[in-house]
N, C-alpha and C. Protein backbone atom coordinates (compact mmCIF):
# COMPACT_ATOMS: atom_id res chain seq x y z
N UNK A 1 2.64 12.34 -15.18
CA UNK A 1 3.40 12.47 -13.89
C UNK A 1 4.68 13.23 -14.12
N UNK A 2 5.01 14.32 -13.46
CA UNK A 2 6.34 15.07 -13.84
C UNK A 2 7.65 14.27 -13.20
N UNK A 3 8.54 14.41 -13.95
CA UNK A 3 9.86 13.72 -13.52
C UNK A 3 10.41 14.45 -12.29
N UNK A 4 11.00 13.49 -11.50
CA UNK A 4 11.64 14.12 -10.35
C UNK A 4 13.02 14.22 -10.64
N UNK A 5 13.57 15.40 -10.91
CA UNK A 5 15.09 15.53 -11.31
C UNK A 5 15.88 15.87 -10.11
N UNK A 6 15.36 16.05 -8.84
CA UNK A 6 16.19 16.39 -7.69
C UNK A 6 16.96 15.22 -7.41
N UNK A 7 18.28 15.65 -6.65
CA UNK A 7 19.14 14.58 -6.30
C UNK A 7 19.71 14.85 -4.75
N UNK A 8 19.47 13.85 -3.96
CA UNK A 8 19.93 13.89 -2.58
C UNK A 8 21.58 13.71 -2.54
N UNK A 9 22.19 14.78 -2.04
CA UNK A 9 23.56 14.68 -1.88
C UNK A 9 23.96 13.58 -0.85
N UNK A 10 25.29 13.08 -0.92
CA UNK A 10 25.62 12.09 0.09
C UNK A 10 25.53 12.59 1.51
N UNK A 11 26.00 13.85 1.73
CA UNK A 11 26.01 14.56 3.01
C UNK A 11 24.57 14.58 3.51
N UNK A 12 23.66 15.01 2.70
CA UNK A 12 22.12 14.91 3.20
C UNK A 12 21.67 13.70 3.33
N UNK A 13 22.08 12.76 2.66
CA UNK A 13 21.38 11.34 2.80
C UNK A 13 22.10 10.71 4.16
N UNK A 14 23.32 11.04 4.42
CA UNK A 14 23.81 10.55 5.79
C UNK A 14 23.22 11.22 7.00
N UNK A 15 22.89 12.36 6.75
CA UNK A 15 22.24 13.11 7.98
C UNK A 15 20.90 12.53 8.16
N UNK A 16 20.30 12.30 6.99
CA UNK A 16 18.74 11.89 7.07
C UNK A 16 18.92 10.36 7.70
N UNK A 17 19.78 9.70 7.26
CA UNK A 17 19.88 8.35 7.93
C UNK A 17 20.06 8.27 9.35
N UNK A 18 20.95 9.19 10.01
CA UNK A 18 21.14 9.45 11.30
C UNK A 18 19.87 9.82 12.06
N UNK A 19 19.10 10.70 11.41
CA UNK A 19 17.89 11.14 12.12
C UNK A 19 16.91 9.95 12.10
N UNK A 20 16.75 9.22 11.00
CA UNK A 20 15.85 8.11 11.13
C UNK A 20 16.29 6.91 11.97
N UNK A 21 17.55 6.80 12.23
CA UNK A 21 18.00 5.82 13.24
C UNK A 21 17.82 6.17 14.66
N UNK A 22 17.73 7.45 14.80
CA UNK A 22 17.79 8.03 16.34
C UNK A 22 16.42 7.98 16.92
N UNK A 23 16.24 7.12 17.92
CA UNK A 23 14.88 7.02 18.52
C UNK A 23 14.31 8.39 19.18
N UNK A 24 15.18 9.23 19.50
CA UNK A 24 14.76 10.47 20.09
C UNK A 24 14.34 11.49 19.04
N UNK A 25 14.41 11.24 17.71
CA UNK A 25 14.07 12.05 16.80
C UNK A 25 12.61 12.26 16.79
N UNK A 26 12.17 13.61 16.50
CA UNK A 26 10.72 13.85 16.38
C UNK A 26 10.15 13.05 15.22
N UNK A 27 8.81 13.13 15.21
CA UNK A 27 8.15 12.57 14.00
C UNK A 27 8.16 13.39 12.79
N UNK A 28 8.12 14.75 13.02
CA UNK A 28 8.37 15.79 11.89
C UNK A 28 9.74 15.58 11.37
N UNK A 29 10.80 15.36 12.26
CA UNK A 29 12.18 15.26 11.69
C UNK A 29 12.36 13.96 10.85
N UNK A 30 11.80 12.93 11.23
CA UNK A 30 11.80 11.64 10.59
C UNK A 30 11.25 11.75 9.17
N UNK A 31 9.94 12.53 9.25
CA UNK A 31 9.35 12.72 7.94
C UNK A 31 10.06 13.60 7.02
N UNK A 32 10.74 14.45 7.33
CA UNK A 32 11.62 15.35 6.51
C UNK A 32 12.82 14.46 5.99
N UNK A 33 13.14 13.74 6.88
CA UNK A 33 14.42 12.78 6.56
C UNK A 33 14.02 11.86 5.52
N UNK A 34 12.99 11.17 5.72
CA UNK A 34 12.41 10.19 4.74
C UNK A 34 11.94 10.97 3.36
N UNK A 35 11.59 12.10 3.44
CA UNK A 35 11.27 12.74 2.17
C UNK A 35 12.46 13.10 1.43
N UNK A 36 13.66 13.48 2.19
CA UNK A 36 14.95 13.75 1.45
C UNK A 36 15.43 12.45 0.82
N UNK A 37 15.22 11.39 1.53
CA UNK A 37 15.85 10.15 0.98
C UNK A 37 15.12 9.61 -0.34
N UNK A 38 13.75 9.96 -0.47
CA UNK A 38 12.98 9.33 -1.55
C UNK A 38 13.17 10.22 -2.86
N UNK A 39 14.20 11.15 -2.79
CA UNK A 39 14.55 11.77 -4.04
C UNK A 39 15.43 10.83 -4.80
N UNK A 40 15.13 10.86 -6.16
CA UNK A 40 15.92 9.78 -7.00
C UNK A 40 17.36 10.23 -7.22
N UNK A 41 18.39 9.35 -7.25
CA UNK A 41 19.74 9.66 -7.54
C UNK A 41 19.76 9.80 -9.00
N UNK A 42 20.86 10.49 -9.22
CA UNK A 42 21.02 10.88 -10.71
C UNK A 42 21.69 9.61 -11.33
N UNK A 43 21.24 9.40 -12.50
CA UNK A 43 21.70 8.12 -13.25
C UNK A 43 22.26 8.52 -14.57
N UNK A 44 23.68 8.39 -14.63
CA UNK A 44 24.27 8.73 -15.86
C UNK A 44 24.42 7.38 -16.68
N UNK A 45 24.13 7.38 -17.98
CA UNK A 45 24.20 6.35 -18.89
C UNK A 45 25.20 6.52 -19.88
């Protein structure tokens, strides 16, 4: 399985969270927001 190196920025994560909490958001918008939030954060060791 390929590694997911993409990172969701804090700004994008905040916007996605607002979409997911909004009951008036469309299903497509919620799907896109959830997709953005499933990206792995960068982990520095």
